[in-house]
Amino acid sequence: MPDAEYEWWIDQRIRDEYGVLHVTRLFHYGPFRDEKAAERQIDELKRTERYRRATLLPSKQRKQD
């Protein structure tokens, strides 16, 4: 059962040419009701050229009232 206090998002992690890690939340995908739904979307995104080399991770965030 999904946790009613949280929503799930997808975070993208990419290192630039200087080795600095940049984390971006993909707001145009989500929120998701649970981690499994976010992981299914990640699987779909990894099939595209744009996200093939990026590290995509599910991320939980407390819902705002």
PDB file of N, CA and C in Angstrom:
ATOM      1  N   MET A   1       0.848  -1.192   0.000  1.00  0.00           N
ATOM      2  CA  MET A   1       0.000   0.000   0.000  1.00  0.00           C
ATOM      3  C   MET A   1       0.883   1.240   0.000  1.00  0.00           C
ATOM      4  N   PRO A   2       0.560   2.215  -0.823  1.00  0.00           N
ATOM      5  CA  PRO A   2       1.357   3.456  -0.876  1.00  0.00           C
ATOM      6  C   PRO A   2       1.269   4.243   0.434  1.00  0.00           C
ATOM      7  N   ASP A   3       2.354   4.902   0.782  1.00  0.00           N
ATOM      8  CA  ASP A   3       2.395   5.730   1.976  1.00  0.00           C
ATOM      9  C   ASP A   3       1.729   7.068   1.644  1.00  0.00           C
ATOM     10  N   ALA A   4       0.676   7.411   2.353  1.00  0.00           N
ATOM     11  CA  ALA A   4      -0.102   8.616   2.059  1.00  0.00           C
ATOM     12  C   ALA A   4       0.671   9.907   2.358  1.00  0.00           C
ATOM     13  N   GLU A   5       1.752   9.819   3.118  1.00  0.00           N
ATOM     14  CA  GLU A   5       2.512  11.027   3.470  1.00  0.00           C
ATOM     15  C   GLU A   5       3.578  11.396   2.439  1.00  0.00           C
ATOM     16  N   TYR A   6       3.864  10.494   1.502  1.00  0.00           N
ATOM     17  CA  TYR A   6       4.966  10.710   0.567  1.00  0.00           C
ATOM     18  C   TYR A   6       4.508  10.586  -0.878  1.00  0.00           C
ATOM     19  N   GLU A   7       5.275  11.226  -1.763  1.00  0.00           N
ATOM     20  CA  GLU A   7       5.111  11.039  -3.188  1.00  0.00           C
ATOM     21  C   GLU A   7       6.495  10.752  -3.765  1.00  0.00           C
ATOM     22  N   TRP A   8       6.520  10.063  -4.875  1.00  0.00           N
ATOM     23  CA  TRP A   8       7.769   9.638  -5.480  1.00  0.00           C
ATOM     24  C   TRP A   8       8.036  10.426  -6.750  1.00  0.00           C
ATOM     25  N   TRP A   9       9.300  10.715  -6.982  1.00  0.00           N
ATOM     26  CA  TRP A   9       9.752  11.449  -8.158  1.00  0.00           C
ATOM     27  C   TRP A   9      10.921  10.704  -8.764  1.00  0.00           C
ATOM     28  N   ILE A  10      11.401  11.210  -9.899  1.00  0.00           N
ATOM     29  CA  ILE A  10      12.606  10.669 -10.521  1.00  0.00           C
ATOM     30  C   ILE A  10      13.667  11.764 -10.491  1.00  0.00           C
ATOM     31  N   ASP A  11      14.832  11.425  -9.953  1.00  0.00           N
ATOM     32  CA  ASP A  11      15.974  12.334  -9.935  1.00  0.00           C
ATOM     33  C   ASP A  11      17.001  11.870 -10.960  1.00  0.00           C
ATOM     34  N   GLN A  12      17.564  12.816 -11.671  1.00  0.00           N
ATOM     35  CA  GLN A  12      18.606  12.544 -12.667  1.00  0.00           C
ATOM     36  C   GLN A  12      19.931  13.041 -12.108  1.00  0.00           C
ATOM     37  N   ARG A  13      20.943  12.185 -12.150  1.00  0.00           N
ATOM     38  CA  ARG A  13      22.278  12.564 -11.682  1.00  0.00           C
ATOM     39  C   ARG A  13      23.253  12.472 -12.848  1.00  0.00           C
ATOM     40  N   ILE A  14      23.968  13.579 -13.089  1.00  0.00           N
ATOM     41  CA  ILE A  14      24.943  13.648 -14.182  1.00  0.00           C
ATOM     42  C   ILE A  14      26.175  14.397 -13.686  1.00  0.00           C
ATOM     43  N   ARG A  15      27.346  13.895 -14.047  1.00  0.00           N
ATOM     44  CA  ARG A  15      28.606  14.598 -13.747  1.00  0.00           C
ATOM     45  C   ARG A  15      29.023  15.392 -14.973  1.00  0.00           C
ATOM     46  N   ASP A  16      29.426  16.636 -14.737  1.00  0.00           N
ATOM     47  CA  ASP A  16      29.895  17.449 -15.861  1.00  0.00           C
ATOM     48  C   ASP A  16      31.373  17.152 -16.139  1.00  0.00           C
ATOM     49  N   GLU A  17      31.961  17.875 -17.086  1.00  0.00           N
ATOM     50  CA  GLU A  17      33.344  17.602 -17.491  1.00  0.00           C
ATOM     51  C   GLU A  17      34.359  17.894 -16.392  1.00  0.00           C
ATOM     52  N   TYR A  18      33.948  18.633 -15.349  1.00  0.00           N
ATOM     53  CA  TYR A  18      34.833  18.933 -14.223  1.00  0.00           C
ATOM     54  C   TYR A  18      34.651  17.974 -13.052  1.00  0.00           C
ATOM     55  N   GLY A  19      33.751  17.012 -13.204  1.00  0.00           N
ATOM     56  CA  GLY A  19      33.499  16.032 -12.162  1.00  0.00           C
ATOM     57  C   GLY A  19      32.469  16.456 -11.136  1.00  0.00           C
ATOM     58  N   VAL A  20      31.822  17.595 -11.364  1.00  0.00           N
ATOM     59  CA  VAL A  20      30.810  18.081 -10.426  1.00  0.00           C
ATOM     60  C   VAL A  20      29.494  17.340 -10.686  1.00  0.00           C
ATOM     61  N   LEU A  21      28.910  16.831  -9.622  1.00  0.00           N
ATOM     62  CA  LEU A  21      27.649  16.101  -9.728  1.00  0.00           C
ATOM     63  C   LEU A  21      26.482  17.082  -9.720  1.00  0.00           C
ATOM     64  N   HIS A  22      25.594  16.947 -10.705  1.00  0.00           N
ATOM     65  CA  HIS A  22      24.384  17.767 -10.801  1.00  0.00           C
ATOM     66  C   HIS A  22      23.178  16.848 -10.652  1.00  0.00           C
ATOM     67  N   VAL A  23      22.297  17.198  -9.723  1.00  0.00           N
ATOM     68  CA  VAL A  23      21.079  16.422  -9.506  1.00  0.00           C
ATOM     69  C   VAL A  23      19.890  17.279  -9.918  1.00  0.00           C
ATOM     70  N   THR A  24      19.048  16.710 -10.769  1.00  0.00           N
ATOM     71  CA  THR A  24      17.877  17.416 -11.270  1.00  0.00           C
ATOM     72  C   THR A  24      16.652  16.545 -11.058  1.00  0.00           C
ATOM     73  N   ARG A  25      15.623  17.113 -10.491  1.00  0.00           N
ATOM     74  CA  ARG A  25      14.362  16.386 -10.356  1.00  0.00           C
ATOM     75  C   ARG A  25      13.572  16.562 -11.648  1.00  0.00           C
ATOM     76  N   LEU A  26      13.108  15.462 -12.205  1.00  0.00           N
ATOM     77  CA  LEU A  26      12.351  15.497 -13.451  1.00  0.00           C
ATOM     78  C   LEU A  26      10.882  15.745 -13.139  1.00  0.00           C
ATOM     79  N   PHE A  27      10.525  17.013 -12.976  1.00  0.00           N
ATOM     80  CA  PHE A  27       9.167  17.381 -12.584  1.00  0.00           C
ATOM     81  C   PHE A  27       8.129  17.062 -13.657  1.00  0.00           C
ATOM     82  N   HIS A  28       8.550  16.958 -14.922  1.00  0.00           N
ATOM     83  CA  HIS A  28       7.586  16.652 -15.972  1.00  0.00           C
ATOM     84  C   HIS A  28       7.189  15.175 -15.966  1.00  0.00           C
ATOM     85  N   TYR A  29       7.837  14.365 -15.113  1.00  0.00           N
ATOM     86  CA  TYR A  29       7.427  12.974 -14.867  1.00  0.00           C
ATOM     87  C   TYR A  29       7.118  12.875 -13.381  1.00  0.00           C
ATOM     88  N   GLY A  30       5.915  12.533 -13.052  1.00  0.00           N
ATOM     89  CA  GLY A  30       5.561  12.364 -11.649  1.00  0.00           C
ATOM     90  C   GLY A  30       4.657  13.464 -11.168  1.00  0.00           C
ATOM     91  N   PRO A  31       4.248  13.415  -9.934  1.00  0.00           N
ATOM     92  CA  PRO A  31       4.683  12.466  -8.914  1.00  0.00           C
ATOM     93  C   PRO A  31       4.058  11.085  -9.137  1.00  0.00           C
ATOM     94  N   PHE A  32       4.664  10.090  -8.509  1.00  0.00           N
ATOM     95  CA  PHE A  32       4.199   8.715  -8.578  1.00  0.00           C
ATOM     96  C   PHE A  32       3.681   8.297  -7.216  1.00  0.00           C
ATOM     97  N   ARG A  33       2.768   7.352  -7.210  1.00  0.00           N
ATOM     98  CA  ARG A  33       2.146   6.933  -5.940  1.00  0.00           C
ATOM     99  C   ARG A  33       3.049   6.041  -5.103  1.00  0.00           C
ATOM    100  N   ASP A  34       3.968   5.318  -5.781  1.00  0.00           N
ATOM    101  CA  ASP A  34       4.880   4.451  -5.037  1.00  0.00           C
ATOM    102  C   ASP A  34       6.185   4.270  -5.812  1.00  0.00           C
ATOM    103  N   GLU A  35       7.141   3.633  -5.165  1.00  0.00           N
ATOM    104  CA  GLU A  35       8.469   3.461  -5.753  1.00  0.00           C
ATOM    105  C   GLU A  35       8.425   2.597  -7.012  1.00  0.00           C
ATOM    106  N   LYS A  36       7.597   1.581  -7.007  1.00  0.00           N
ATOM    107  CA  LYS A  36       7.501   0.687  -8.170  1.00  0.00           C
ATOM    108  C   LYS A  36       7.039   1.433  -9.418  1.00  0.00           C
ATOM    109  N   ALA A  37       6.082   2.351  -9.266  1.00  0.00           N
ATOM    110  CA  ALA A  37       5.598   3.140 -10.402  1.00  0.00           C
ATOM    111  C   ALA A  37       6.720   4.027 -10.947  1.00  0.00           C
ATOM    112  N   ALA A  38       7.504   4.617 -10.055  1.00  0.00           N
ATOM    113  CA  ALA A  38       8.634   5.443 -10.485  1.00  0.00           C
ATOM    114  C   ALA A  38       9.680   4.591 -11.207  1.00  0.00           C
ATOM    115  N   GLU A  39       9.935   3.392 -10.709  1.00  0.00           N
ATOM    116  CA  GLU A  39      10.904   2.506 -11.346  1.00  0.00           C
ATOM    117  C   GLU A  39      10.432   2.056 -12.728  1.00  0.00           C
ATOM    118  N   ARG A  40       9.140   1.836 -12.905  1.00  0.00           N
ATOM    119  CA  ARG A  40       8.620   1.477 -14.226  1.00  0.00           C
ATOM    120  C   ARG A  40       8.852   2.614 -15.221  1.00  0.00           C
ATOM    121  N   GLN A  41       8.637   3.859 -14.771  1.00  0.00           N
ATOM    122  CA  GLN A  41       8.879   5.007 -15.644  1.00  0.00           C
ATOM    123  C   GLN A  41      10.362   5.139 -15.966  1.00  0.00           C
ATOM    124  N   ILE A  42      11.222   4.878 -14.999  1.00  0.00           N
ATOM    125  CA  ILE A  42      12.670   4.916 -15.230  1.00  0.00           C
ATOM    126  C   ILE A  42      13.045   3.905 -16.303  1.00  0.00           C
ATOM    127  N   ASP A  43      12.479   2.701 -16.243  1.00  0.00           N
ATOM    128  CA  ASP A  43      12.758   1.685 -17.261  1.00  0.00           C
ATOM    129  C   ASP A  43      12.376   2.179 -18.652  1.00  0.00           C
ATOM    130  N   GLU A  44      11.246   2.870 -18.750  1.00  0.00           N
ATOM    131  CA  GLU A  44      10.815   3.425 -20.034  1.00  0.00           C
ATOM    132  C   GLU A  44      11.774   4.526 -20.509  1.00  0.00           C
ATOM    133  N   LEU A  45      12.170   5.397 -19.599  1.00  0.00           N
ATOM    134  CA  LEU A  45      13.054   6.503 -19.960  1.00  0.00           C
ATOM    135  C   LEU A  45      14.428   6.019 -20.405  1.00  0.00           C
ATOM    136  N   LYS A  46      14.928   4.949 -19.800  1.00  0.00           N
ATOM    137  CA  LYS A  46      16.254   4.437 -20.147  1.00  0.00           C
ATOM    138  C   LYS A  46      16.300   3.897 -21.572  1.00  0.00           C
ATOM    139  N   ARG A  47      15.154   3.676 -22.179  1.00  0.00           N
ATOM    140  CA  ARG A  47      15.097   3.212 -23.571  1.00  0.00           C
ATOM    141  C   ARG A  47      15.296   4.357 -24.563  1.00  0.00           C
ATOM    142  N   THR A  48      15.207   5.595 -24.079  1.00  0.00           N
ATOM    143  CA  THR A  48      15.364   6.743 -24.960  1.00  0.00           C
ATOM    144  C   THR A  48      16.824   7.205 -24.965  1.00  0.00           C
ATOM    145  N   GLU A  49      17.228   7.807 -26.048  1.00  0.00           N
ATOM    146  CA  GLU A  49      18.612   8.282 -26.191  1.00  0.00           C
ATOM    147  C   GLU A  49      18.959   9.343 -25.143  1.00  0.00           C
ATOM    148  N   ARG A  50      18.008  10.217 -24.851  1.00  0.00           N
ATOM    149  CA  ARG A  50      18.246  11.324 -23.931  1.00  0.00           C
ATOM    150  C   ARG A  50      18.665  10.863 -22.529  1.00  0.00           C
ATOM    151  N   TYR A  51      18.070   9.781 -22.035  1.00  0.00           N
ATOM    152  CA  TYR A  51      18.322   9.345 -20.665  1.00  0.00           C
ATOM    153  C   TYR A  51      19.172   8.081 -20.576  1.00  0.00           C
ATOM    154  N   ARG A  52      19.635   7.584 -21.704  1.00  0.00           N
ATOM    155  CA  ARG A  52      20.383   6.324 -21.701  1.00  0.00           C
ATOM    156  C   ARG A  52      21.651   6.401 -20.858  1.00  0.00           C
ATOM    157  N   ARG A  53      22.337   7.531 -20.882  1.00  0.00           N
ATOM    158  CA  ARG A  53      23.612   7.664 -20.152  1.00  0.00           C
ATOM    159  C   ARG A  53      23.467   8.317 -18.783  1.00  0.00           C
ATOM    160  N   ALA A  54      22.275   8.778 -18.471  1.00  0.00           N
ATOM    161  CA  ALA A  54      22.056   9.424 -17.175  1.00  0.00           C
ATOM    162  C   ALA A  54      21.770   8.379 -16.101  1.00  0.00           C
ATOM    163  N   THR A  55      22.045   8.739 -14.866  1.00  0.00           N
ATOM    164  CA  THR A  55      21.667   7.902 -13.742  1.00  0.00           C
ATOM    165  C   THR A  55      20.326   8.413 -13.234  1.00  0.00           C
ATOM    166  N   LEU A  56      19.300   7.572 -13.338  1.00  0.00           N
ATOM    167  CA  LEU A  56      17.958   7.942 -12.885  1.00  0.00           C
ATOM    168  C   LEU A  56      17.615   7.118 -11.653  1.00  0.00           C
ATOM    169  N   LEU A  57      17.149   7.799 -10.621  1.00  0.00           N
ATOM    170  CA  LEU A  57      16.840   7.138  -9.355  1.00  0.00           C
ATOM    171  C   LEU A  57      15.476   7.584  -8.841  1.00  0.00           C
ATOM    172  N   PRO A  58      14.711   6.651  -8.248  1.00  0.00           N
ATOM    173  CA  PRO A  58      13.471   7.068  -7.596  1.00  0.00           C
ATOM    174  C   PRO A  58      13.808   7.841  -6.323  1.00  0.00           C
ATOM    175  N   SER A  59      13.005   8.848  -6.025  1.00  0.00           N
ATOM    176  CA  SER A  59      13.264   9.701  -4.871  1.00  0.00           C
ATOM    177  C   SER A  59      11.956   9.977  -4.148  1.00  0.00           C
ATOM    178  N   LYS A  60      11.967   9.802  -2.842  1.00  0.00           N
ATOM    179  CA  LYS A  60      10.763  10.000  -2.037  1.00  0.00           C
ATOM    180  C   LYS A  60      10.799  11.381  -1.395  1.00  0.00           C
ATOM    181  N   GLN A  61       9.644  12.056  -1.403  1.00  0.00           N
ATOM    182  CA  GLN A  61       9.530  13.377  -0.808  1.00  0.00           C
ATOM    183  C   GLN A  61       8.216  13.461  -0.041  1.00  0.00           C
ATOM    184  N   ARG A  62       8.273  14.076   1.111  1.00  0.00           N
ATOM    185  CA  ARG A  62       7.064  14.253   1.909  1.00  0.00           C
ATOM    186  C   ARG A  62       6.109  15.191   1.173  1.00  0.00           C
ATOM    187  N   LYS A  63       4.842  14.824   1.128  1.00  0.00           N
ATOM    188  CA  LYS A  63       3.839  15.657   0.465  1.00  0.00           C
ATOM    189  C   LYS A  63       3.673  16.956   1.218  1.00  0.00           C
ATOM    190  N   GLN A  64       3.406  18.012   0.457  1.00  0.00           N
ATOM    191  CA  GLN A  64       3.131  19.308   1.060  1.00  0.00           C
ATOM    192  C   GLN A  64       1.620  19.489   1.105  1.00  0.00           C
ATOM    193  N   ASP A  65       1.145  19.968   2.228  1.00  0.00           N
ATOM    194  CA  ASP A  65      -0.310  20.175   2.381  1.00  0.00           C
ATOM    195  C   ASP A  65      -0.745  21.503   1.842  1.00  0.00           C
TER     196      ASP A  65
END
